[in-house]
Amino acid sequence: MSEGKLLVRDSRSGREYEIPIKKNSVAAVDFKQIRSPEVDQTRDDKGSISLKVYDPGLANTAIIESDLLSIDAEKGTLLFRGYSIDQLWGSSFEDVLHLMVWETLPSTSQRKSLQRELSTAMSDIPSEVIKVIYAFPKSAPPFPMIVAGLSAYVANKPQEIPAMAGGNIYHGNLQRVNEAIIRVIAAWAVVIGLSTCHRRGSKFVPASPNQTFYENLFTMMGHVNEITGNLERKKLQCFQRFGALSIDHGMANSTFAMLVTSSTLADPLSALISALAAAYGPLHFGAPESAYRVMSQLGKPENVPSLIEEVKRGERRLFGYGHRSYRTDDPRIRPIQILLDELGAASNPLLAVAREIDRIASNDEYFKSRGLHANADLYGVFFYIAMSVAPHVNAGIMSR
């Protein structure tokens, strides 16, 4: 039963309250009716008479209603609009995007139309975007290049900035919203491609109208066979399947940052920039890179026990372990391991270090008693490396 009433008795005043339960949740605003006795002048919160709900880190707070994602933390199951990972395993980016935004998997004609819209938008690259990214030293981290490139996109079309256009221009205008979605995704792909090529010193090849989104992304990144110049189909197919694992994962920091920025009626690209800034920390999209650096320092599996002991003593953080949404195995790990086998990732000696971390921690009472298990970051970094993407580039690509 998800509907009902929460009965609350305030021991300070003796008063009782009924708080409605809807969809297995209560509204924080309903607790405002519970007020502190005004005669108490010794309390520390003199400026707050109404009861507040204190939840640091949004550990148990829902801020929006969404049918996009369903996670069962105890069973370790994950559904995207009712579809399991297995069902979306071979879906194209266009399929996944249509499911996320327009709530259904597309028909053949809808998929082709979406593909054309994306490739057309990716072909429209303002010269300022290229200049901004290529102004960075080639040795610069990719993330600042990506953010700067997206900012140049924003500046190139001031008429798309609500504050400069006189106020709200997106809410209630579905056509403009749909156009903005395409532009944001295209801009992200272009700046990923430009920054990757600039850092490598390779030639940037623009998107083609005859290619899918992922094919164009690979082309723009220069992610092709060095001899033939053709796309490597095996890697492309693996990347497409990996993309199905990265659709959405609840109210992450980056998602929250994007929603907060969007709530001010800012333009969608600026909201994406906010999300990227929040994502770059080592506790979010930066986690795979941080985990890989730790494994690089360990060097070999024999050194893992000392790391585990340091973690248990509170001296170090174990990146790639534990997830706020799961109390059991992360359902994305098994599919990632399948992809690693297909890509021959076992040739990377540090994968043995990751497996040893997982083996020891999963059998240690310290982690078991806390419901901590390996998450996708522990193994996901090896997927990108097998795809010839350096660890410090992962965060930018993960933001897709």
Protein backbone atom coordinates (compact mmCIF):
# COMPACT_ATOMS: atom_id res chain seq x y z
CA MET A 1 0.00 0.00 0.00
CA SER A 2 1.49 3.35 -1.08
CA GLU A 3 -1.31 5.64 0.16
CA GLY A 4 -2.26 6.47 3.72
CA LYS A 5 -1.50 8.79 6.62
CA LEU A 6 1.52 9.31 8.84
CA LEU A 7 0.48 10.04 12.42
CA VAL A 8 2.92 12.34 14.21
CA ARG A 9 2.87 13.28 17.88
CA ASP A 10 5.12 16.19 18.89
CA SER A 11 6.48 15.41 22.37
CA ARG A 12 7.28 19.09 22.90
CA SER A 13 3.70 20.33 22.64
CA GLY A 14 1.66 17.15 22.90
CA ARG A 15 -0.08 17.97 19.61
CA GLU A 16 -0.81 15.35 17.00
CA TYR A 17 -0.71 15.74 13.23
CA GLU A 18 -1.77 13.74 10.19
CA ILE A 19 0.61 13.83 7.25
CA PRO A 20 -0.78 12.41 3.96
CA ILE A 21 1.22 9.58 2.35
CA LYS A 22 1.02 9.58 -1.45
CA LYS A 23 3.00 7.25 -3.70
CA ASN A 24 4.89 6.06 -0.64
CA SER A 25 6.19 9.55 0.13
CA VAL A 26 5.31 12.56 2.27
CA ALA A 27 5.56 16.21 1.30
CA ALA A 28 8.19 18.10 3.30
CA VAL A 29 5.99 21.22 3.22
CA ASP A 30 3.34 19.35 5.26
CA PHE A 31 5.71 19.38 8.22
CA LYS A 32 5.62 23.19 8.35
CA GLN A 33 2.41 22.95 10.37
CA ILE A 34 4.45 21.40 13.21
CA ARG A 35 5.74 24.40 15.12
CA SER A 36 8.13 24.78 18.00
CA PRO A 37 6.70 26.14 21.28
CA GLU A 38 7.49 29.85 21.16
CA VAL A 39 8.07 30.02 24.89
CA ASP A 40 11.36 28.13 24.55
CA GLN A 41 14.02 30.82 24.23
CA THR A 42 16.96 28.47 24.77
CA ARG A 43 16.77 26.63 21.48
CA ASP A 44 19.46 27.18 18.88
CA ASP A 45 17.09 27.59 15.92
CA LYS A 46 15.32 30.81 16.96
CA GLY A 47 14.82 31.80 13.33
CA SER A 48 13.03 28.55 12.48
CA ILE A 49 9.71 28.02 14.28
CA SER A 50 8.24 25.56 11.75
CA LEU A 51 9.73 22.07 11.73
CA LYS A 52 12.34 21.54 9.02
CA VAL A 53 13.23 18.27 7.31
CA TYR A 54 17.01 17.91 7.51
CA ASP A 55 18.47 15.63 4.83
CA PRO A 56 22.12 16.36 3.95
CA GLY A 57 23.09 15.00 0.59
CA LEU A 58 19.45 14.30 -0.35
CA ALA A 59 19.99 10.83 1.06
CA ASN A 60 16.24 10.16 1.29
CA THR A 61 14.55 13.06 -0.45
CA ALA A 62 12.57 12.96 -3.69
CA ILE A 63 12.43 16.31 -5.49
CA ILE A 64 10.62 15.35 -8.71
CA GLU A 65 8.24 12.70 -9.99
CA SER A 66 9.56 10.68 -12.93
CA ASP A 67 8.68 7.46 -14.72
CA LEU A 68 12.09 7.29 -16.38
CA LEU A 69 13.85 5.05 -13.91
CA SER A 70 12.93 2.30 -11.47
CA ILE A 71 15.58 0.89 -9.11
CA ASP A 72 15.04 -1.88 -6.58
CA ALA A 73 17.94 -1.34 -4.18
CA GLU A 74 17.49 -4.69 -2.43
CA LYS A 75 17.12 -6.88 -5.51
CA GLY A 76 19.58 -4.90 -7.64
CA THR A 77 17.18 -4.50 -10.56
CA LEU A 78 17.12 -1.56 -12.93
CA LEU A 79 14.36 -0.59 -15.37
CA PHE A 80 14.27 2.31 -17.84
CA ARG A 81 10.65 3.19 -18.57
CA GLY A 82 9.82 -0.45 -17.90
CA TYR A 83 12.62 -1.91 -20.03
CA SER A 84 15.44 -3.93 -18.53
CA ILE A 85 19.12 -3.59 -19.43
CA ASP A 86 18.86 -6.84 -21.39
CA GLN A 87 15.97 -5.50 -23.46
CA LEU A 88 17.87 -2.31 -24.36
CA TRP A 89 21.23 -4.04 -24.79
CA GLY A 90 21.37 -3.59 -28.57
CA SER A 91 19.49 -0.30 -28.83
CA SER A 92 20.96 2.61 -30.77
CA PHE A 93 21.53 6.04 -29.24
CA GLU A 94 18.53 7.28 -31.21
CA ASP A 95 16.39 4.52 -29.68
CA VAL A 96 17.50 5.32 -26.14
CA LEU A 97 17.13 9.09 -26.61
CA HIS A 98 13.59 8.70 -27.96
CA LEU A 99 12.70 6.45 -25.04
CA MET A 100 14.13 8.91 -22.51
CA VAL A 101 12.64 12.09 -23.90
CA TRP A 102 9.52 11.05 -25.80
CA GLU A 103 8.78 8.02 -23.59
CA THR A 104 8.58 5.33 -26.28
CA LEU A 105 10.99 3.42 -28.46
CA PRO A 106 10.90 4.99 -31.94
CA SER A 107 9.49 3.53 -35.11
CA THR A 108 11.86 3.08 -38.05
CA SER A 109 10.82 6.39 -39.57
CA GLN A 110 11.11 8.20 -36.22
CA ARG A 111 14.61 6.77 -35.71
CA LYS A 112 15.75 7.92 -39.16
CA SER A 113 14.24 11.36 -38.66
CA LEU A 114 15.99 11.74 -35.30
CA GLN A 115 19.25 10.59 -36.85
CA ARG A 116 18.97 13.26 -39.57
CA GLU A 117 18.16 16.00 -37.07
CA LEU A 118 21.16 15.11 -34.92
CA SER A 119 23.63 14.86 -37.80
CA THR A 120 22.38 18.17 -39.27
CA ALA A 121 22.80 19.91 -35.91
CA MET A 122 26.28 18.41 -35.48
CA SER A 123 27.28 19.81 -38.86
CA ASP A 124 26.42 23.36 -37.79
CA ILE A 125 29.55 24.28 -35.83
CA PRO A 126 30.15 27.96 -34.98
CA SER A 127 33.72 28.99 -35.78
CA GLU A 128 34.04 30.46 -32.28
CA VAL A 129 33.64 26.99 -30.77
CA ILE A 130 36.60 25.68 -32.74
CA LYS A 131 38.72 28.73 -31.89
CA VAL A 132 37.98 28.47 -28.17
CA ILE A 133 38.87 24.78 -27.92
CA TYR A 134 42.01 25.10 -30.04
CA ALA A 135 43.15 28.02 -27.90
CA PHE A 136 43.87 25.56 -25.09
CA PRO A 137 47.28 23.87 -24.85
CA LYS A 138 47.09 20.33 -26.22
CA SER A 139 48.19 19.09 -22.81
CA ALA A 140 45.22 20.70 -21.07
CA PRO A 141 42.63 18.39 -19.42
CA PRO A 142 39.67 17.74 -21.72
CA PHE A 143 36.99 18.88 -19.28
CA PRO A 144 37.81 22.61 -19.37
CA MET A 145 37.89 22.40 -23.17
CA ILE A 146 34.46 20.80 -23.22
CA VAL A 147 32.93 23.38 -20.89
CA ALA A 148 34.54 26.25 -22.81
CA GLY A 149 33.33 24.84 -26.11
CA LEU A 150 29.77 24.56 -24.83
CA SER A 151 29.97 28.12 -23.48
CA ALA A 152 30.98 29.28 -26.95
CA TYR A 153 27.87 27.56 -28.31
CA VAL A 154 25.75 29.50 -25.82
CA ALA A 155 27.39 32.81 -26.72
CA ASN A 156 26.94 32.16 -30.43
CA LYS A 157 23.14 32.31 -30.19
CA PRO A 158 22.16 34.93 -27.59
CA GLN A 159 18.58 34.73 -28.84
CA GLU A 160 18.46 31.26 -27.26
CA ILE A 161 19.33 32.68 -23.82
CA PRO A 162 16.06 33.42 -21.95
CA ALA A 163 17.50 36.30 -19.92
CA MET A 164 18.58 38.06 -23.11
CA ALA A 165 15.37 37.22 -24.93
CA GLY A 166 13.14 38.82 -22.33
CA GLY A 167 12.29 35.89 -20.09
CA ASN A 168 10.82 32.43 -20.50
CA ILE A 169 11.18 31.13 -24.07
CA TYR A 170 11.11 27.36 -23.50
CA HIS A 171 8.38 26.47 -21.02
CA GLY A 172 5.15 25.89 -22.88
CA ASN A 173 6.90 25.94 -26.27
CA LEU A 174 7.29 22.25 -27.10
CA GLN A 175 8.76 22.80 -30.55
CA ARG A 176 11.49 25.03 -29.17
CA VAL A 177 12.19 22.54 -26.38
CA ASN A 178 12.59 19.71 -28.89
CA GLU A 179 14.94 21.83 -31.02
CA ALA A 180 16.98 22.69 -27.93
CA ILE A 181 17.31 19.02 -27.00
CA ILE A 182 18.79 18.25 -30.42
CA ARG A 183 21.12 21.26 -30.26
CA VAL A 184 22.41 20.37 -26.78
CA ILE A 185 23.19 16.77 -27.70
CA ALA A 186 24.83 17.82 -30.96
CA ALA A 187 26.92 20.48 -29.22
CA TRP A 188 28.12 17.97 -26.64
CA ALA A 189 29.20 15.51 -29.34
CA VAL A 190 31.02 18.19 -31.32
CA VAL A 191 33.01 19.55 -28.37
CA ILE A 192 33.94 15.99 -27.35
CA GLY A 193 35.21 15.39 -30.88
CA LEU A 194 37.04 18.71 -31.17
CA SER A 195 38.73 18.44 -27.77
CA THR A 196 39.80 14.84 -28.41
CA CYS A 197 41.28 15.67 -31.82
CA HIS A 198 43.00 18.80 -30.50
CA ARG A 199 44.67 16.88 -27.68
CA ARG A 200 45.79 14.14 -30.08
CA GLY A 201 46.90 16.56 -32.77
CA SER A 202 44.69 14.78 -35.31
CA LYS A 203 42.39 16.21 -37.97
CA PHE A 204 38.77 16.82 -37.02
CA VAL A 205 36.30 15.21 -39.41
CA PRO A 206 32.78 16.68 -39.19
CA ALA A 207 29.58 14.67 -38.90
CA SER A 208 28.00 12.99 -41.90
CA PRO A 209 24.24 13.00 -42.59
CA ASN A 210 24.47 9.31 -43.53
CA GLN A 211 25.79 8.15 -40.18
CA THR A 212 24.16 7.36 -36.85
CA PHE A 213 24.88 9.43 -33.77
CA TYR A 214 27.50 7.05 -32.41
CA GLU A 215 29.10 6.66 -35.84
CA ASN A 216 29.41 10.43 -36.07
CA LEU A 217 30.74 10.67 -32.52
CA PHE A 218 33.45 8.13 -33.30
CA THR A 219 34.27 9.89 -36.57
CA MET A 220 34.55 13.31 -34.93
CA MET A 221 36.74 11.87 -32.16
CA GLY A 222 39.02 10.31 -34.75
CA HIS A 223 38.11 6.95 -33.27
CA VAL A 224 38.77 5.03 -36.48
CA ASN A 225 41.19 2.41 -37.75
CA GLU A 226 44.59 4.08 -38.11
CA ILE A 227 45.33 2.26 -41.37
CA THR A 228 42.01 2.20 -43.21
CA GLY A 229 40.37 5.25 -41.61
CA ASN A 230 37.17 3.21 -41.24
CA LEU A 231 35.07 2.85 -38.14
CA GLU A 232 35.85 -0.22 -36.05
CA ARG A 233 32.50 -1.98 -35.93
CA LYS A 234 33.27 -4.18 -32.95
CA LYS A 235 34.17 -1.20 -30.76
CA LEU A 236 31.21 0.76 -32.06
CA GLN A 237 28.80 -2.06 -31.19
CA CYS A 238 30.30 -2.42 -27.72
CA PHE A 239 30.04 1.33 -27.14
CA GLN A 240 26.41 1.27 -28.23
CA ARG A 241 25.63 -1.51 -25.76
CA PHE A 242 27.56 0.29 -23.02
CA GLY A 243 25.43 3.35 -23.73
CA ALA A 244 22.32 1.40 -22.73
CA LEU A 245 23.85 1.06 -19.25
CA SER A 246 24.30 4.81 -18.90
CA ILE A 247 20.81 6.12 -19.59
CA ASP A 248 20.03 7.46 -16.15
CA HIS A 249 20.76 6.62 -12.54
CA GLY A 250 18.45 8.64 -10.38
CA MET A 251 19.09 11.94 -8.63
CA ALA A 252 22.85 12.11 -9.08
CA ASN A 253 24.75 15.31 -8.30
CA SER A 254 24.92 16.28 -11.96
CA THR A 255 21.21 15.67 -12.49
CA PHE A 256 20.38 17.75 -9.44
CA ALA A 257 22.68 20.56 -10.61
CA MET A 258 21.02 20.57 -14.03
CA LEU A 259 17.54 20.71 -12.49
CA VAL A 260 18.52 23.57 -10.17
CA THR A 261 19.94 25.58 -13.06
CA SER A 262 16.94 24.79 -15.27
CA SER A 263 14.57 25.93 -12.53
CA THR A 264 15.83 29.48 -13.04
CA LEU A 265 14.64 29.25 -16.69
CA ALA A 266 18.23 29.24 -17.94
CA ASP A 267 18.96 27.89 -21.43
CA PRO A 268 19.49 24.11 -21.74
CA LEU A 269 23.18 24.37 -22.71
CA SER A 270 23.94 26.38 -19.58
CA ALA A 271 22.10 23.75 -17.55
CA LEU A 272 24.30 21.07 -19.14
CA ILE A 273 27.42 23.07 -18.25
CA SER A 274 26.24 23.16 -14.62
CA ALA A 275 25.75 19.41 -14.68
CA LEU A 276 29.20 18.83 -16.14
CA ALA A 277 30.84 21.02 -13.49
CA ALA A 278 29.11 19.01 -10.75
CA ALA A 279 30.01 15.73 -12.44
CA TYR A 280 33.75 16.32 -12.67
CA GLY A 281 34.48 15.65 -8.99
CA PRO A 282 36.09 12.37 -7.92
CA LEU A 283 32.85 11.30 -6.23
CA HIS A 284 30.91 11.38 -9.50
CA PHE A 285 32.09 11.08 -13.13
CA GLY A 286 35.64 11.59 -11.92
CA ALA A 287 35.37 8.37 -9.87
CA PRO A 288 36.60 5.99 -12.62
CA GLU A 289 39.70 8.11 -13.17
CA SER A 290 40.30 8.28 -9.41
CA ALA A 291 39.82 4.52 -9.07
CA TYR A 292 42.22 3.88 -11.93
CA ARG A 293 44.89 6.12 -10.39
CA VAL A 294 44.65 4.18 -7.14
CA MET A 295 44.96 0.88 -9.02
CA SER A 296 47.93 2.25 -10.95
CA GLN A 297 49.63 3.09 -7.65
CA LEU A 298 48.98 -0.42 -6.36
CA GLY A 299 50.41 -1.93 -9.52
CA LYS A 300 49.64 -5.57 -8.76
CA PRO A 301 47.04 -7.65 -6.89
CA GLU A 302 49.41 -8.48 -4.02
CA ASN A 303 49.23 -4.86 -2.86
CA VAL A 304 45.44 -4.78 -2.55
CA PRO A 305 45.17 -6.05 1.08
CA SER A 306 47.09 -3.05 2.40
CA LEU A 307 44.72 -0.70 0.56
CA ILE A 308 41.68 -2.46 2.03
CA GLU A 309 43.10 -2.12 5.55
CA GLU A 310 43.77 1.59 5.02
CA VAL A 311 40.17 2.04 3.86
CA LYS A 312 38.84 0.23 6.92
CA ARG A 313 40.92 2.48 9.17
CA GLY A 314 39.41 5.52 7.48
CA GLU A 315 42.72 6.59 5.97
CA ARG A 316 41.68 6.25 2.31
CA ARG A 317 38.55 6.19 0.19
CA LEU A 318 37.83 3.15 -1.96
CA PHE A 319 36.67 4.53 -5.30
CA GLY A 320 34.46 2.22 -7.36
CA TYR A 321 32.92 0.63 -4.29
CA GLY A 322 29.53 1.32 -2.75
CA HIS A 323 26.49 2.95 -4.37
CA ARG A 324 23.71 4.94 -2.74
CA SER A 325 21.08 3.22 -4.90
CA TYR A 326 22.05 -0.41 -4.24
CA ARG A 327 22.40 -2.70 -1.25
CA THR A 328 23.41 -5.59 -3.49
CA ASP A 329 25.45 -6.06 -6.66
CA ASP A 330 25.28 -3.22 -9.18
CA PRO A 331 23.26 -4.71 -12.09
CA ARG A 332 25.49 -2.92 -14.61
CA ILE A 333 28.65 -4.80 -13.64
CA ARG A 334 27.86 -8.11 -15.31
CA PRO A 335 27.10 -6.53 -18.72
CA ILE A 336 30.30 -4.46 -18.42
CA GLN A 337 32.30 -7.61 -17.73
CA ILE A 338 30.83 -9.20 -20.86
CA LEU A 339 31.98 -6.20 -22.90
CA LEU A 340 35.44 -6.34 -21.34
CA ASP A 341 35.76 -9.98 -22.40
CA GLU A 342 34.71 -9.11 -25.95
CA LEU A 343 37.27 -6.30 -26.12
CA GLY A 344 40.09 -8.39 -24.69
CA ALA A 345 40.51 -6.07 -21.70
CA ALA A 346 42.23 -8.82 -19.67
CA SER A 347 45.48 -7.78 -21.33
CA ASN A 348 45.42 -4.74 -19.04
CA PRO A 349 47.24 -5.95 -15.90
CA LEU A 350 45.34 -3.50 -13.69
CA LEU A 351 42.09 -5.33 -14.36
CA ALA A 352 43.46 -8.09 -12.14
CA VAL A 353 43.93 -5.44 -9.43
CA ALA A 354 40.29 -4.36 -9.76
CA ARG A 355 39.12 -7.96 -9.52
CA GLU A 356 41.24 -8.51 -6.43
CA ILE A 357 39.76 -5.39 -4.80
CA ASP A 358 36.30 -6.74 -5.54
CA ARG A 359 37.16 -10.25 -4.30
CA ILE A 360 38.64 -9.14 -0.98
CA ALA A 361 36.11 -6.41 -0.23
CA SER A 362 33.10 -8.56 -1.13
CA ASN A 363 34.23 -11.15 1.44
CA ASP A 364 35.19 -8.68 4.16
CA GLU A 365 32.70 -8.18 7.01
CA TYR A 366 33.49 -4.44 7.08
CA PHE A 367 31.98 -3.97 3.61
CA LYS A 368 29.34 -6.69 3.88
CA SER A 369 27.88 -5.28 7.09
CA ARG A 370 27.57 -1.86 5.45
CA GLY A 371 25.90 -3.20 2.31
CA LEU A 372 28.82 -2.03 0.16
CA HIS A 373 29.45 -3.69 -3.19
CA ALA A 374 31.43 -2.89 -6.31
CA ASN A 375 29.81 -0.34 -8.59
CA ALA A 376 30.11 0.26 -12.32
CA ASP A 377 33.02 2.69 -11.87
CA LEU A 378 35.37 -0.06 -10.70
CA TYR A 379 35.16 -1.87 -14.03
CA GLY A 380 33.78 0.83 -16.34
CA VAL A 381 37.13 2.59 -16.62
CA PHE A 382 38.60 -0.54 -18.23
CA PHE A 383 35.89 -0.43 -20.86
CA TYR A 384 36.97 3.05 -21.95
CA ILE A 385 40.64 2.07 -21.92
CA ALA A 386 39.85 -0.98 -24.08
CA MET A 387 38.09 1.48 -26.39
CA SER A 388 41.38 3.48 -26.56
CA VAL A 389 39.97 6.32 -24.44
CA ALA A 390 42.31 7.60 -21.72
CA PRO A 391 40.93 7.55 -18.12
CA HIS A 392 40.95 11.36 -17.80
CA VAL A 393 38.72 11.62 -20.88
CA ASN A 394 36.10 9.26 -19.42
CA ALA A 395 34.20 11.88 -17.45
CA GLY A 396 33.41 13.92 -20.54
CA ILE A 397 32.12 10.93 -22.48
CA MET A 398 30.20 9.56 -19.51
CA SER A 399 28.12 12.74 -19.48
CA ARG A 400 26.26 11.57 -22.54
